Amino acid sequence: MFTIGQQVQQEFGTQVMKIIDFEPDLIENVITQWEDEEGTIVTGKFMESQLLPAEE
């Protein structure tokens, strides 16, 4: 179970993202946010099974 504010990444990805919210009624219920190379804030939605706690 993840929590808001937790740092996560995809199983085969390197991008570290912060969980900003949950949408319990949707399959892709974890809403994440991160900053890309240009400094743009990007928001994404993932299933919990696609994410792992980010390695420090």
PDB file of N, CA and C in Angstrom:
ATOM      1  N   MET A   1       0.856  -1.194   0.000  1.00  0.00           N
ATOM      2  CA  MET A   1       0.000   0.000   0.000  1.00  0.00           C
ATOM      3  C   MET A   1       0.890   1.241   0.000  1.00  0.00           C
ATOM      4  N   PHE A   2       0.593   2.154  -0.877  1.00  0.00           N
ATOM      5  CA  PHE A   2       1.371   3.386  -1.002  1.00  0.00           C
ATOM      6  C   PHE A   2       0.680   4.518  -0.242  1.00  0.00           C
ATOM      7  N   THR A   3       1.425   5.605  -0.011  1.00  0.00           N
ATOM      8  CA  THR A   3       0.870   6.767   0.669  1.00  0.00           C
ATOM      9  C   THR A   3       1.182   8.026  -0.126  1.00  0.00           C
ATOM     10  N   ILE A   4       0.363   9.058   0.053  1.00  0.00           N
ATOM     11  CA  ILE A   4       0.597  10.343  -0.606  1.00  0.00           C
ATOM     12  C   ILE A   4       1.929  10.899  -0.121  1.00  0.00           C
ATOM     13  N   GLY A   5       2.711  11.392  -1.065  1.00  0.00           N
ATOM     14  CA  GLY A   5       4.020  11.936  -0.744  1.00  0.00           C
ATOM     15  C   GLY A   5       5.148  10.929  -0.902  1.00  0.00           C
ATOM     16  N   GLN A   6       4.798   9.651  -1.048  1.00  0.00           N
ATOM     17  CA  GLN A   6       5.818   8.606  -1.192  1.00  0.00           C
ATOM     18  C   GLN A   6       6.487   8.693  -2.562  1.00  0.00           C
ATOM     19  N   GLN A   7       7.786   8.418  -2.605  1.00  0.00           N
ATOM     20  CA  GLN A   7       8.548   8.383  -3.849  1.00  0.00           C
ATOM     21  C   GLN A   7       8.458   6.967  -4.422  1.00  0.00           C
ATOM     22  N   VAL A   8       8.074   6.875  -5.707  1.00  0.00           N
ATOM     23  CA  VAL A   8       7.935   5.576  -6.366  1.00  0.00           C
ATOM     24  C   VAL A   8       8.560   5.634  -7.754  1.00  0.00           C
ATOM     25  N   GLN A   9       8.735   4.452  -8.347  1.00  0.00           N
ATOM     26  CA  GLN A   9       9.158   4.383  -9.740  1.00  0.00           C
ATOM     27  C   GLN A   9       8.562   3.131 -10.352  1.00  0.00           C
ATOM     28  N   GLN A  10       8.530   3.099 -11.696  1.00  0.00           N
ATOM     29  CA  GLN A  10       8.018   1.929 -12.383  1.00  0.00           C
ATOM     30  C   GLN A  10       9.021   0.786 -12.260  1.00  0.00           C
ATOM     31  N   GLU A  11       8.515  -0.433 -12.393  1.00  0.00           N
ATOM     32  CA  GLU A  11       9.347  -1.616 -12.187  1.00  0.00           C
ATOM     33  C   GLU A  11      10.608  -1.594 -13.056  1.00  0.00           C
ATOM     34  N   PHE A  12      10.484  -1.164 -14.315  1.00  0.00           N
ATOM     35  CA  PHE A  12      11.645  -1.157 -15.203  1.00  0.00           C
ATOM     36  C   PHE A  12      12.053   0.264 -15.586  1.00  0.00           C
ATOM     37  N   GLY A  13      11.608   1.253 -14.816  1.00  0.00           N
ATOM     38  CA  GLY A  13      11.917   2.640 -15.124  1.00  0.00           C
ATOM     39  C   GLY A  13      12.920   3.228 -14.154  1.00  0.00           C
ATOM     40  N   THR A  14      13.461   4.373 -14.539  1.00  0.00           N
ATOM     41  CA  THR A  14      14.409   5.059 -13.665  1.00  0.00           C
ATOM     42  C   THR A  14      13.826   6.350 -13.100  1.00  0.00           C
ATOM     43  N   GLN A  15      12.723   6.833 -13.684  1.00  0.00           N
ATOM     44  CA  GLN A  15      12.124   8.097 -13.263  1.00  0.00           C
ATOM     45  C   GLN A  15      11.509   7.954 -11.868  1.00  0.00           C
ATOM     46  N   VAL A  16      11.976   8.769 -10.920  1.00  0.00           N
ATOM     47  CA  VAL A  16      11.393   8.777  -9.576  1.00  0.00           C
ATOM     48  C   VAL A  16      10.237   9.769  -9.564  1.00  0.00           C
ATOM     49  N   MET A  17       9.097   9.321  -9.057  1.00  0.00           N
ATOM     50  CA  MET A  17       7.875  10.127  -9.053  1.00  0.00           C
ATOM     51  C   MET A  17       7.342  10.202  -7.631  1.00  0.00           C
ATOM     52  N   LYS A  18       6.612  11.270  -7.351  1.00  0.00           N
ATOM     53  CA  LYS A  18       5.970  11.419  -6.045  1.00  0.00           C
ATOM     54  C   LYS A  18       4.479  11.160  -6.203  1.00  0.00           C
ATOM     55  N   ILE A  19       3.906  10.365  -5.292  1.00  0.00           N
ATOM     56  CA  ILE A  19       2.463  10.131  -5.307  1.00  0.00           C
ATOM     57  C   ILE A  19       1.771  11.381  -4.773  1.00  0.00           C
ATOM     58  N   ILE A  20       0.842  11.920  -5.570  1.00  0.00           N
ATOM     59  CA  ILE A  20       0.146  13.139  -5.146  1.00  0.00           C
ATOM     60  C   ILE A  20      -1.320  12.898  -4.800  1.00  0.00           C
ATOM     61  N   ASP A  21      -1.894  11.749  -5.244  1.00  0.00           N
ATOM     62  CA  ASP A  21      -3.307  11.499  -4.949  1.00  0.00           C
ATOM     63  C   ASP A  21      -3.668  10.077  -5.375  1.00  0.00           C
ATOM     64  N   PHE A  22      -4.875   9.659  -5.024  1.00  0.00           N
ATOM     65  CA  PHE A  22      -5.414   8.361  -5.416  1.00  0.00           C
ATOM     66  C   PHE A  22      -6.813   8.552  -5.977  1.00  0.00           C
ATOM     67  N   GLU A  23      -7.198   7.714  -6.960  1.00  0.00           N
ATOM     68  CA  GLU A  23      -8.562   7.672  -7.478  1.00  0.00           C
ATOM     69  C   GLU A  23      -9.059   6.240  -7.303  1.00  0.00           C
ATOM     70  N   PRO A  24      -9.664   5.948  -6.158  1.00  0.00           N
ATOM     71  CA  PRO A  24      -9.994   4.562  -5.810  1.00  0.00           C
ATOM     72  C   PRO A  24     -10.927   3.863  -6.787  1.00  0.00           C
ATOM     73  N   ASP A  25     -11.722   4.597  -7.549  1.00  0.00           N
ATOM     74  CA  ASP A  25     -12.694   3.963  -8.441  1.00  0.00           C
ATOM     75  C   ASP A  25     -12.097   3.550  -9.781  1.00  0.00           C
ATOM     76  N   LEU A  26     -10.850   3.920 -10.051  1.00  0.00           N
ATOM     77  CA  LEU A  26     -10.238   3.620 -11.339  1.00  0.00           C
ATOM     78  C   LEU A  26      -9.193   2.514 -11.207  1.00  0.00           C
ATOM     79  N   ILE A  27      -8.954   1.801 -12.304  1.00  0.00           N
ATOM     80  CA  ILE A  27      -7.911   0.765 -12.305  1.00  0.00           C
ATOM     81  C   ILE A  27      -6.545   1.425 -12.150  1.00  0.00           C
ATOM     82  N   GLU A  28      -6.301   2.481 -12.942  1.00  0.00           N
ATOM     83  CA  GLU A  28      -5.060   3.242 -12.784  1.00  0.00           C
ATOM     84  C   GLU A  28      -5.324   4.288 -11.714  1.00  0.00           C
ATOM     85  N   ASN A  29      -5.169   3.878 -10.444  1.00  0.00           N
ATOM     86  CA  ASN A  29      -5.674   4.683  -9.337  1.00  0.00           C
ATOM     87  C   ASN A  29      -4.614   5.498  -8.615  1.00  0.00           C
ATOM     88  N   VAL A  30      -3.334   5.361  -8.987  1.00  0.00           N
ATOM     89  CA  VAL A  30      -2.272   6.108  -8.315  1.00  0.00           C
ATOM     90  C   VAL A  30      -1.869   7.272  -9.211  1.00  0.00           C
ATOM     91  N   ILE A  31      -1.997   8.508  -8.697  1.00  0.00           N
ATOM     92  CA  ILE A  31      -1.635   9.691  -9.474  1.00  0.00           C
ATOM     93  C   ILE A  31      -0.261  10.163  -8.998  1.00  0.00           C
ATOM     94  N   THR A  32       0.665  10.282  -9.955  1.00  0.00           N
ATOM     95  CA  THR A  32       2.033  10.667  -9.627  1.00  0.00           C
ATOM     96  C   THR A  32       2.410  11.948 -10.350  1.00  0.00           C
ATOM     97  N   GLN A  33       3.483  12.562  -9.863  1.00  0.00           N
ATOM     98  CA  GLN A  33       3.968  13.796 -10.478  1.00  0.00           C
ATOM     99  C   GLN A  33       5.490  13.792 -10.417  1.00  0.00           C
ATOM    100  N   TRP A  34       6.115  14.310 -11.467  1.00  0.00           N
ATOM    101  CA  TRP A  34       7.574  14.432 -11.509  1.00  0.00           C
ATOM    102  C   TRP A  34       7.954  15.560 -12.437  1.00  0.00           C
ATOM    103  N   GLU A  35       9.210  15.933 -12.411  1.00  0.00           N
ATOM    104  CA  GLU A  35       9.721  17.021 -13.243  1.00  0.00           C
ATOM    105  C   GLU A  35      10.601  16.418 -14.330  1.00  0.00           C
ATOM    106  N   ASP A  36      10.321  16.760 -15.600  1.00  0.00           N
ATOM    107  CA  ASP A  36      11.125  16.211 -16.693  1.00  0.00           C
ATOM    108  C   ASP A  36      12.411  17.002 -16.894  1.00  0.00           C
ATOM    109  N   GLU A  37      13.185  16.632 -17.913  1.00  0.00           N
ATOM    110  CA  GLU A  37      14.495  17.247 -18.141  1.00  0.00           C
ATOM    111  C   GLU A  37      14.414  18.754 -18.386  1.00  0.00           C
ATOM    112  N   GLU A  38      13.296  19.218 -18.955  1.00  0.00           N
ATOM    113  CA  GLU A  38      13.132  20.646 -19.230  1.00  0.00           C
ATOM    114  C   GLU A  38      12.543  21.414 -18.056  1.00  0.00           C
ATOM    115  N   GLY A  39      12.267  20.723 -16.957  1.00  0.00           N
ATOM    116  CA  GLY A  39      11.701  21.389 -15.793  1.00  0.00           C
ATOM    117  C   GLY A  39      10.185  21.449 -15.804  1.00  0.00           C
ATOM    118  N   THR A  40       9.547  20.743 -16.747  1.00  0.00           N
ATOM    119  CA  THR A  40       8.089  20.701 -16.825  1.00  0.00           C
ATOM    120  C   THR A  40       7.556  19.688 -15.818  1.00  0.00           C
ATOM    121  N   ILE A  41       6.522  20.088 -15.085  1.00  0.00           N
ATOM    122  CA  ILE A  41       5.881  19.168 -14.141  1.00  0.00           C
ATOM    123  C   ILE A  41       4.935  18.260 -14.926  1.00  0.00           C
ATOM    124  N   VAL A  42       5.127  16.959 -14.790  1.00  0.00           N
ATOM    125  CA  VAL A  42       4.336  15.966 -15.514  1.00  0.00           C
ATOM    126  C   VAL A  42       3.536  15.150 -14.505  1.00  0.00           C
ATOM    127  N   THR A  43       2.279  14.878 -14.848  1.00  0.00           N
ATOM    128  CA  THR A  43       1.409  14.066 -14.001  1.00  0.00           C
ATOM    129  C   THR A  43       1.094  12.775 -14.740  1.00  0.00           C
ATOM    130  N   GLY A  44       1.098  11.654 -14.023  1.00  0.00           N
ATOM    131  CA  GLY A  44       0.781  10.369 -14.625  1.00  0.00           C
ATOM    132  C   GLY A  44      -0.113   9.554 -13.719  1.00  0.00           C
ATOM    133  N   LYS A  45      -0.784   8.552 -14.330  1.00  0.00           N
ATOM    134  CA  LYS A  45      -1.635   7.641 -13.569  1.00  0.00           C
ATOM    135  C   LYS A  45      -1.138   6.225 -13.800  1.00  0.00           C
ATOM    136  N   PHE A  46      -1.049   5.457 -12.717  1.00  0.00           N
ATOM    137  CA  PHE A  46      -0.549   4.096 -12.789  1.00  0.00           C
ATOM    138  C   PHE A  46      -1.378   3.171 -11.922  1.00  0.00           C
ATOM    139  N   MET A  47      -1.326   1.879 -12.244  1.00  0.00           N
ATOM    140  CA  MET A  47      -1.876   0.870 -11.355  1.00  0.00           C
ATOM    141  C   MET A  47      -0.839   0.631 -10.257  1.00  0.00           C
ATOM    142  N   GLU A  48      -1.292   0.303  -9.064  1.00  0.00           N
ATOM    143  CA  GLU A  48      -0.351   0.039  -7.967  1.00  0.00           C
ATOM    144  C   GLU A  48       0.651  -1.047  -8.343  1.00  0.00           C
ATOM    145  N   SER A  49       0.206  -2.036  -9.116  1.00  0.00           N
ATOM    146  CA  SER A  49       1.091  -3.155  -9.469  1.00  0.00           C
ATOM    147  C   SER A  49       2.236  -2.739 -10.397  1.00  0.00           C
ATOM    148  N   GLN A  50       2.124  -1.547 -11.030  1.00  0.00           N
ATOM    149  CA  GLN A  50       3.176  -1.053 -11.924  1.00  0.00           C
ATOM    150  C   GLN A  50       4.278  -0.310 -11.160  1.00  0.00           C
ATOM    151  N   LEU A  51       4.057  -0.017  -9.885  1.00  0.00           N
ATOM    152  CA  LEU A  51       4.963   0.848  -9.143  1.00  0.00           C
ATOM    153  C   LEU A  51       5.672   0.104  -8.011  1.00  0.00           C
ATOM    154  N   LEU A  52       6.870   0.583  -7.725  1.00  0.00           N
ATOM    155  CA  LEU A  52       7.671   0.088  -6.598  1.00  0.00           C
ATOM    156  C   LEU A  52       8.143   1.280  -5.797  1.00  0.00           C
ATOM    157  N   PRO A  53       8.396   1.114  -4.504  1.00  0.00           N
ATOM    158  CA  PRO A  53       9.013   2.215  -3.753  1.00  0.00           C
ATOM    159  C   PRO A  53      10.341   2.588  -4.394  1.00  0.00           C
ATOM    160  N   ALA A  54      10.607   3.872  -4.517  1.00  0.00           N
ATOM    161  CA  ALA A  54      11.846   4.327  -5.161  1.00  0.00           C
ATOM    162  C   ALA A  54      13.055   3.953  -4.305  1.00  0.00           C
ATOM    163  N   GLU A  55      14.109   3.548  -5.000  1.00  0.00           N
ATOM    164  CA  GLU A  55      15.356   3.250  -4.299  1.00  0.00           C
ATOM    165  C   GLU A  55      16.049   4.551  -3.972  1.00  0.00           C
ATOM    166  N   GLU A  56      16.542   4.634  -2.775  1.00  0.00           N
ATOM    167  CA  GLU A  56      17.193   5.875  -2.310  1.00  0.00           C
ATOM    168  C   GLU A  56      18.522   6.076  -3.010  1.00  0.00           C
TER     169      GLU A  56
END
